[in-house]
N, C-alpha and C. Protein backbone atom coordinates (compact mmCIF):
# COMPACT_ATOMS: atom_id res chain seq x y z
N MET A 1 13.65 190.08 -331.41
CA MET A 1 12.40 188.93 -331.57
C MET A 1 13.13 187.86 -332.26
N ILE A 2 14.13 188.31 -332.97
CA ILE A 2 14.67 186.90 -333.85
C ILE A 2 15.63 186.05 -332.86
N GLU A 3 16.26 186.66 -332.06
CA GLU A 3 16.67 185.78 -330.99
C GLU A 3 15.81 184.77 -330.27
N LEU A 4 14.79 185.54 -329.76
CA LEU A 4 13.63 184.89 -329.14
C LEU A 4 13.12 183.29 -329.95
N SER A 5 12.95 183.85 -331.27
CA SER A 5 12.26 182.79 -332.30
C SER A 5 13.74 181.65 -332.35
N ALA A 6 14.83 182.13 -332.56
CA ALA A 6 15.89 180.92 -332.66
C ALA A 6 16.05 180.23 -331.33
N GLY A 7 15.80 181.02 -330.46
CA GLY A 7 15.93 179.97 -328.91
C GLY A 7 14.92 179.12 -328.96
N LEU A 8 13.55 179.46 -329.56
CA LEU A 8 12.49 178.84 -329.16
C LEU A 8 12.72 177.38 -330.06
N THR A 9 12.95 178.18 -331.16
CA THR A 9 13.20 176.72 -332.05
C THR A 9 14.31 175.55 -331.57
N VAL A 10 15.10 175.96 -331.22
CA VAL A 10 16.21 175.24 -330.51
C VAL A 10 15.71 174.44 -329.31
N LEU A 11 14.96 175.20 -328.38
CA LEU A 11 14.51 174.48 -327.08
C LEU A 11 13.39 173.32 -328.06
N TRP A 12 12.55 173.71 -328.82
CA TRP A 12 11.47 172.82 -329.59
C TRP A 12 12.07 171.58 -330.09
N MET A 13 13.34 171.78 -330.97
CA MET A 13 13.97 170.49 -331.59
C MET A 13 14.64 169.79 -330.30
N LEU A 14 15.11 170.19 -329.12
CA LEU A 14 15.60 169.84 -328.03
C LEU A 14 14.44 168.80 -327.48
N ALA A 15 13.62 169.54 -327.38
CA ALA A 15 12.12 168.67 -326.82
C ALA A 15 12.02 167.54 -327.74
N LEU A 16 11.85 167.72 -328.76
CA LEU A 16 11.52 166.76 -329.85
C LEU A 16 12.54 165.60 -329.58
N ALA A 17 13.84 165.84 -329.62
CA ALA A 17 14.83 165.03 -329.54
C ALA A 17 14.85 164.26 -328.31
N ILE A 18 14.43 164.88 -327.31
CA ILE A 18 13.98 164.07 -325.97
C ILE A 18 12.88 162.97 -326.17
N VAL A 19 12.02 163.38 -326.79
CA VAL A 19 10.67 162.50 -326.72
C VAL A 19 10.93 161.46 -328.03
N LEU A 20 11.83 161.79 -329.14
CA LEU A 20 11.67 160.70 -329.96
C LEU A 20 13.03 159.72 -330.13
N LEU A 21 14.03 160.17 -329.46
CA LEU A 21 15.01 159.20 -329.39
C LEU A 21 14.91 158.15 -328.76
N PRO A 22 14.23 158.15 -327.63
CA PRO A 22 13.95 156.88 -327.00
C PRO A 22 12.68 155.90 -327.37
N LEU A 23 11.81 156.88 -328.28
CA LEU A 23 10.86 155.99 -329.14
C LEU A 23 11.81 155.15 -330.39
N ILE A 24 12.54 155.90 -330.99
CA ILE A 24 13.34 155.32 -331.92
C ILE A 24 14.02 153.93 -331.48
N LYS A 25 14.88 154.21 -330.69
CA LYS A 25 15.47 153.15 -329.82
C LYS A 25 14.74 152.07 -329.62
N SER A 26 13.62 152.25 -329.11
CA SER A 26 12.57 151.41 -328.92
C SER A 26 11.85 150.50 -330.00
N GLY A 27 12.05 150.99 -331.19
CA GLY A 27 11.49 150.31 -332.08
C GLY A 27 10.11 151.02 -333.01
N VAL A 28 9.92 152.00 -332.35
CA VAL A 28 8.40 152.58 -332.75
C VAL A 28 8.62 153.30 -333.97
N LYS A 29 7.84 153.15 -335.24
CA LYS A 29 7.82 153.55 -336.52
C LYS A 29 7.43 154.98 -336.27
N LEU A 30 8.09 155.87 -337.07
CA LEU A 30 7.71 157.42 -336.66
C LEU A 30 6.45 157.71 -337.74
N THR A 31 6.18 156.68 -338.55
CA THR A 31 5.04 157.15 -339.27
C THR A 31 3.66 156.79 -338.87
N GLN A 32 3.31 156.15 -337.41
CA GLN A 32 2.47 156.17 -336.81
C GLN A 32 1.69 157.46 -336.45
N PRO A 33 0.47 157.23 -336.62
CA PRO A 33 -0.14 158.50 -336.38
C PRO A 33 -0.05 159.32 -335.21
N TRP A 34 0.06 158.71 -334.01
CA TRP A 34 0.19 159.39 -332.57
C TRP A 34 1.55 160.19 -332.75
N VAL A 35 2.65 159.44 -333.57
CA VAL A 35 3.92 159.96 -333.44
C VAL A 35 3.91 161.53 -334.14
N LEU A 36 3.10 161.42 -335.29
CA LEU A 36 2.83 162.51 -336.22
C LEU A 36 1.97 163.40 -335.51
N GLY A 37 1.28 163.28 -334.67
CA GLY A 37 0.40 164.12 -333.53
C GLY A 37 1.61 164.71 -332.60
N VAL A 38 2.30 164.38 -331.97
CA VAL A 38 3.28 164.76 -331.20
C VAL A 38 4.33 165.67 -331.90
N VAL A 39 4.85 165.33 -333.14
CA VAL A 39 5.63 166.02 -333.82
C VAL A 39 5.45 167.21 -334.60
N VAL A 40 3.82 167.21 -335.10
CA VAL A 40 3.44 168.14 -335.86
C VAL A 40 2.14 168.81 -335.15
N VAL A 41 1.28 168.50 -334.88
CA VAL A 41 -0.03 168.80 -334.11
C VAL A 41 0.47 169.51 -333.04
N LEU A 42 1.17 168.97 -332.09
CA LEU A 42 1.22 169.46 -330.78
C LEU A 42 2.01 170.74 -330.76
N PRO A 43 3.02 171.07 -331.23
CA PRO A 43 3.85 172.17 -331.67
C PRO A 43 2.89 173.41 -332.46
N ALA A 44 2.23 173.06 -333.54
CA ALA A 44 1.26 173.71 -334.22
C ALA A 44 0.17 174.21 -333.43
N MET A 45 -0.45 173.64 -332.63
CA MET A 45 -1.56 174.00 -331.42
C MET A 45 -0.76 175.00 -330.37
N SER A 46 0.29 174.67 -329.88
CA SER A 46 1.24 175.44 -329.06
C SER A 46 1.38 176.70 -329.57
N ILE A 47 1.83 176.87 -330.86
CA ILE A 47 2.05 178.26 -331.60
C ILE A 47 0.76 178.84 -331.54
N GLY A 48 -0.20 178.60 -332.00
CA GLY A 48 -1.56 178.91 -332.24
C GLY A 48 -1.87 179.41 -330.95
N VAL A 49 -1.66 178.88 -329.92
CA VAL A 49 -2.60 179.17 -328.46
C VAL A 49 -1.72 180.47 -328.21
N TYR A 50 -0.34 180.44 -328.21
CA TYR A 50 0.53 181.36 -328.13
C TYR A 50 0.17 182.82 -328.63
N ALA A 51 -0.03 182.68 -329.89
CA ALA A 51 -0.62 183.78 -331.08
C ALA A 51 -1.77 184.18 -330.55
N TRP A 52 -2.83 183.39 -330.02
CA TRP A 52 -4.26 184.00 -329.98
C TRP A 52 -4.19 184.50 -328.27
N LYS A 53 -3.35 183.88 -327.43
CA LYS A 53 -3.41 184.54 -325.88
C LYS A 53 -2.38 185.26 -325.30
N GLY A 54 -1.38 184.83 -326.13
CA GLY A 54 0.26 185.24 -325.56
C GLY A 54 0.56 186.87 -326.07
N SER A 55 -0.06 187.20 -327.15
CA SER A 55 0.43 188.35 -327.51
C SER A 55 -0.16 189.80 -326.96
N VAL A 56 0.29 190.67 -326.97
CA VAL A 56 -0.37 191.92 -326.32
C VAL A 56 -1.18 192.63 -327.16
N THR A 57 -2.29 193.25 -326.87
CA THR A 57 -3.46 193.81 -327.84
C THR A 57 -3.02 195.05 -328.02
N ILE A 58 -3.26 195.92 -329.08
CA ILE A 58 -3.24 197.14 -329.14
C ILE A 58 -4.00 197.92 -327.92
N GLN A 59 -4.91 197.62 -327.63
CA GLN A 59 -5.66 198.20 -326.40
C GLN A 59 -4.53 198.00 -324.95
N GLU A 60 -4.22 196.85 -324.73
CA GLU A 60 -3.20 196.60 -323.70
C GLU A 60 -2.38 197.70 -323.87
N GLN A 61 -1.46 198.12 -324.84
CA GLN A 61 -0.31 198.67 -325.06
C GLN A 61 -0.68 200.14 -324.99
N THR A 62 -2.14 200.65 -325.10
CA THR A 62 -2.55 201.84 -324.78
C THR A 62 -2.44 202.30 -323.75
N GLN A 63 -3.13 201.13 -322.96
CA GLN A 63 -3.26 201.13 -321.42
C GLN A 63 -1.99 201.20 -320.63
N MET A 64 -0.93 200.77 -321.27
CA MET A 64 0.42 200.57 -320.23
C MET A 64 0.75 201.76 -319.79
N PRO A 65 0.84 203.13 -320.39
CA PRO A 65 1.47 204.37 -319.73
C PRO A 65 0.46 204.50 -318.53
N GLU A 66 -0.80 204.53 -318.82
CA GLU A 66 -1.73 204.94 -317.70
C GLU A 66 -1.77 203.87 -316.54
N ILE A 67 -1.25 202.78 -316.75
CA ILE A 67 -1.06 201.73 -315.77
C ILE A 67 0.47 202.06 -314.85
N LYS A 68 1.50 202.35 -315.62
CA LYS A 68 2.66 202.94 -315.15
C LYS A 68 2.46 204.33 -314.24
N ASP A 69 1.83 205.00 -314.95
CA ASP A 69 1.54 206.23 -314.19
C ASP A 69 0.72 206.17 -312.77
N ASP A 70 -0.17 205.19 -312.83
CA ASP A 70 -0.75 204.81 -311.73
C ASP A 70 -0.10 204.28 -310.53
N LEU A 71 0.65 203.32 -311.19
CA LEU A 71 1.45 202.58 -310.16
C LEU A 71 2.54 203.60 -309.51
N VAL A 72 3.34 204.46 -310.25
CA VAL A 72 4.10 205.62 -309.92
C VAL A 72 3.29 206.30 -308.57
N SER A 73 2.25 206.69 -309.27
CA SER A 73 1.47 207.54 -308.17
C SER A 73 1.16 207.01 -306.87
N ARG A 74 0.79 205.75 -306.87
CA ARG A 74 0.72 205.14 -305.73
C ARG A 74 1.96 204.77 -304.68
N LEU A 75 2.94 204.59 -305.36
CA LEU A 75 4.35 204.70 -304.99
C LEU A 75 4.72 205.88 -304.16
N GLU A 76 4.40 207.12 -304.87
CA GLU A 76 4.58 208.50 -304.28
C GLU A 76 4.05 208.54 -303.33
N ALA A 77 2.82 208.28 -303.23
CA ALA A 77 1.75 208.31 -302.11
C ALA A 77 2.03 207.63 -300.99
N LYS A 78 2.58 206.48 -301.20
CA LYS A 78 3.26 205.49 -299.97
C LYS A 78 4.44 206.11 -299.62
N LEU A 79 5.06 206.57 -300.34
CA LEU A 79 6.52 207.26 -299.80
C LEU A 79 6.24 208.81 -298.90
N ARG A 80 5.09 209.51 -299.23
CA ARG A 80 4.60 210.55 -298.64
C ARG A 80 4.29 210.21 -297.13
N GLN A 81 3.68 209.01 -297.06
CA GLN A 81 3.27 208.35 -295.52
C GLN A 81 4.60 207.97 -294.90
N ASN A 82 5.50 207.39 -295.79
CA ASN A 82 6.37 206.82 -294.77
C ASN A 82 8.08 207.17 -295.68
N PRO A 83 8.36 208.34 -295.75
CA PRO A 83 9.28 208.96 -296.09
C PRO A 83 10.72 208.27 -295.96
N GLU A 84 10.75 207.27 -294.88
CA GLU A 84 12.02 206.44 -294.50
C GLU A 84 12.17 205.01 -295.10
N ASP A 85 11.32 204.98 -296.29
CA ASP A 85 11.20 203.58 -296.73
C ASP A 85 12.34 203.57 -298.03
N ILE A 86 13.38 202.98 -297.54
CA ILE A 86 14.63 202.98 -298.66
C ILE A 86 14.22 202.54 -299.82
N GLU A 87 13.85 201.20 -299.80
CA GLU A 87 13.65 200.26 -300.68
C GLU A 87 12.65 201.00 -301.62
N GLY A 88 11.45 201.76 -300.98
CA GLY A 88 10.52 202.29 -301.75
C GLY A 88 11.26 203.59 -302.57
N TRP A 89 12.04 203.96 -302.17
CA TRP A 89 12.71 205.22 -302.90
C TRP A 89 13.58 204.69 -304.02
N ILE A 90 14.25 203.40 -303.74
CA ILE A 90 14.99 202.97 -304.84
C ILE A 90 14.10 202.33 -305.95
N MET A 91 12.78 201.93 -305.54
CA MET A 91 11.89 201.39 -306.72
C MET A 91 11.33 202.81 -307.18
N LEU A 92 11.13 203.72 -306.48
CA LEU A 92 10.71 205.03 -307.40
C LEU A 92 11.77 205.50 -308.28
N ALA A 93 12.83 205.64 -307.79
CA ALA A 93 14.17 206.29 -309.06
C ALA A 93 14.18 205.21 -309.88
N ARG A 94 13.88 203.76 -309.68
CA ARG A 94 14.13 203.05 -310.94
C ARG A 94 12.91 203.11 -311.88
N SER A 95 11.79 203.54 -311.22
CA SER A 95 10.86 203.60 -312.10
C SER A 95 10.84 204.83 -312.87
N TYR A 96 11.52 205.86 -312.32
CA TYR A 96 11.65 207.19 -313.08
C TYR A 96 12.69 206.98 -314.32
N GLU A 97 13.60 206.19 -314.04
CA GLU A 97 14.45 205.68 -314.92
C GLU A 97 13.54 205.24 -315.98
N VAL A 98 12.81 204.23 -315.67
CA VAL A 98 12.34 203.46 -317.00
C VAL A 98 11.46 204.25 -317.76
N LEU A 99 10.82 205.22 -317.02
CA LEU A 99 9.92 206.08 -317.72
C LEU A 99 10.75 207.11 -318.75
N GLY A 100 11.98 207.41 -318.17
CA GLY A 100 12.71 208.15 -318.77
C GLY A 100 12.74 209.62 -318.15
N GLU A 101 12.11 210.00 -316.97
CA GLU A 101 12.42 210.88 -316.17
C GLU A 101 13.43 210.87 -315.16
N LYS A 102 14.66 211.58 -315.90
CA LYS A 102 15.87 211.30 -315.29
C LYS A 102 16.10 212.36 -314.06
N GLU A 103 15.31 213.44 -314.54
CA GLU A 103 15.52 214.54 -312.95
C GLU A 103 14.96 214.00 -311.73
N LYS A 104 13.92 213.36 -311.99
CA LYS A 104 13.15 212.87 -310.93
C LYS A 104 13.85 211.53 -310.14
N SER A 105 14.32 210.75 -311.05
CA SER A 105 15.07 209.60 -310.95
C SER A 105 16.05 209.96 -310.13
N LEU A 106 16.98 211.19 -310.58
CA LEU A 106 18.24 211.58 -309.69
C LEU A 106 17.94 211.94 -308.33
N LYS A 107 16.37 212.69 -308.28
CA LYS A 107 16.27 213.18 -306.80
C LYS A 107 15.81 212.14 -306.14
N ALA A 108 15.25 210.98 -306.35
CA ALA A 108 14.84 209.94 -305.82
C ALA A 108 16.11 209.28 -305.15
N TYR A 109 17.27 209.12 -306.07
CA TYR A 109 18.41 208.46 -305.72
C TYR A 109 19.05 209.56 -304.53
N LYS A 110 19.07 210.51 -304.87
CA LYS A 110 19.79 211.63 -303.61
C LYS A 110 19.10 211.36 -302.44
N LYS A 111 17.99 211.24 -301.94
CA LYS A 111 17.05 211.07 -301.15
C LYS A 111 17.52 209.29 -300.37
N VAL A 112 17.61 208.55 -301.37
CA VAL A 112 18.28 207.34 -300.86
C VAL A 112 19.62 207.40 -300.45
N ARG A 113 20.40 208.11 -301.11
CA ARG A 113 21.93 208.34 -300.38
C ARG A 113 21.98 208.99 -299.03
N ILE A 114 21.16 210.09 -299.10
CA ILE A 114 20.98 210.95 -297.97
C ILE A 114 20.84 209.92 -296.62
N GLN A 115 19.51 209.00 -296.65
CA GLN A 115 19.10 208.23 -295.89
C GLN A 115 20.22 207.15 -295.24
N ILE A 116 20.69 206.61 -296.60
CA ILE A 116 21.88 205.61 -296.38
C ILE A 116 23.22 206.18 -295.29
N ARG A 117 23.51 207.43 -295.71
CA ARG A 117 24.79 207.89 -295.04
C ARG A 117 24.24 208.12 -293.59
N ALA A 118 22.95 208.68 -293.41
CA ALA A 118 22.42 208.56 -292.06
C ALA A 118 22.65 207.45 -291.21
N MET A 119 21.88 206.43 -292.12
CA MET A 119 21.97 205.05 -291.46
C MET A 119 23.60 204.75 -290.79
N ILE A 120 24.73 205.01 -291.65
CA ILE A 120 25.93 204.65 -291.61
C ILE A 120 26.41 205.45 -290.50
N ASP A 121 26.03 206.75 -290.72
CA ASP A 121 26.47 207.65 -289.15
C ASP A 121 25.94 207.21 -287.85
N GLY A 122 24.77 206.49 -287.97
CA GLY A 122 24.30 206.08 -286.69
C GLY A 122 24.48 204.65 -286.17
N LEU A 123 25.56 203.98 -287.06
CA LEU A 123 25.86 203.01 -286.61
C LEU A 123 27.38 202.85 -286.04
N PRO A 124 27.69 201.64 -285.25
CA PRO A 124 28.81 201.74 -284.73
C PRO A 124 29.88 201.52 -285.92
N ASP A 125 31.19 202.20 -285.78
CA ASP A 125 32.03 201.58 -286.96
C ASP A 125 32.34 200.16 -287.17
N ASN A 126 32.12 199.45 -286.17
CA ASN A 126 32.33 197.74 -286.52
C ASN A 126 31.04 197.06 -286.73
N HIS A 127 29.83 197.98 -286.68
CA HIS A 127 28.38 197.04 -287.18
C HIS A 127 28.78 196.33 -288.46
N GLU A 128 27.87 195.09 -288.46
CA GLU A 128 28.10 194.15 -289.33
C GLU A 128 27.46 194.69 -290.73
N ASP A 129 27.00 195.60 -290.65
CA ASP A 129 25.85 196.01 -291.79
C ASP A 129 26.98 197.20 -292.46
N ILE A 130 27.72 197.87 -292.01
CA ILE A 130 28.46 199.00 -292.58
C ILE A 130 28.98 198.74 -293.91
N ASP A 131 29.52 197.58 -294.40
CA ASP A 131 30.03 197.33 -295.48
C ASP A 131 29.10 197.37 -296.49
N ASP A 132 27.90 196.66 -296.40
CA ASP A 132 27.18 196.49 -297.11
C ASP A 132 26.21 197.86 -297.62
N LEU A 133 25.87 198.68 -296.37
CA LEU A 133 25.34 199.94 -296.71
C LEU A 133 26.45 200.78 -297.90
N LYS A 134 27.66 200.59 -297.42
CA LYS A 134 28.71 201.49 -298.16
C LYS A 134 28.59 201.10 -299.75
N MET A 135 28.47 199.50 -299.96
CA MET A 135 28.80 199.04 -301.23
C MET A 135 27.42 199.40 -302.01
N LEU A 136 26.31 199.77 -301.15
CA LEU A 136 25.14 199.97 -301.62
C LEU A 136 25.20 201.41 -302.30
N LEU A 137 25.90 202.35 -301.38
CA LEU A 137 25.85 203.79 -301.76
C LEU A 137 27.02 203.73 -302.80
N LYS A 138 27.91 203.06 -303.20
CA LYS A 138 28.68 203.07 -304.57
C LYS A 138 27.75 202.80 -305.64
N LYS A 139 27.00 201.85 -305.61
CA LYS A 139 26.32 201.22 -306.62
C LYS A 139 25.11 202.37 -307.14
N LEU A 140 24.71 203.32 -306.26
CA LEU A 140 23.93 204.32 -306.63
C LEU A 140 24.31 205.37 -307.66
N PRO A 141 23.23 205.49 -308.54
CA PRO A 141 23.61 206.70 -309.55
C PRO A 141 24.00 208.03 -308.90
N LYS A 142 24.92 208.61 -309.44
CA LYS A 142 25.40 209.96 -308.91
C LYS A 142 24.35 211.04 -309.43
N SER A 143 24.03 212.22 -308.55
CA SER A 143 23.29 213.22 -309.20
C SER A 143 24.01 214.30 -309.82
């Protein structure tokens, strides 16, 4: 959170410099009310709106696990209907990883490896996708 605040502060200062430097060079006095509005009021309003609308509420935080479980359940159902969907299996494996379900994740990655190997075996040796599939196979976690 500190890194984010520091980064936003730097960006805010950069934005101010981009706005104020041309004004200073053109002879505008920084004590004029509209300049103070740009420098003080606009950033303060931005921070206020972010604090009001941009933060996650406690209710939303408590609903997150339910939403994640629902999304994973839907993906599992989709894969039961279409078990050949390699991208779906990769997405499911990564979802399990994020949820901390290592065993389920490894099982899903195992299905992906089996499907990729079958694809490689079904292609001629000089097919253009062979190298990409082998590279993908190397990148997958081992069970």
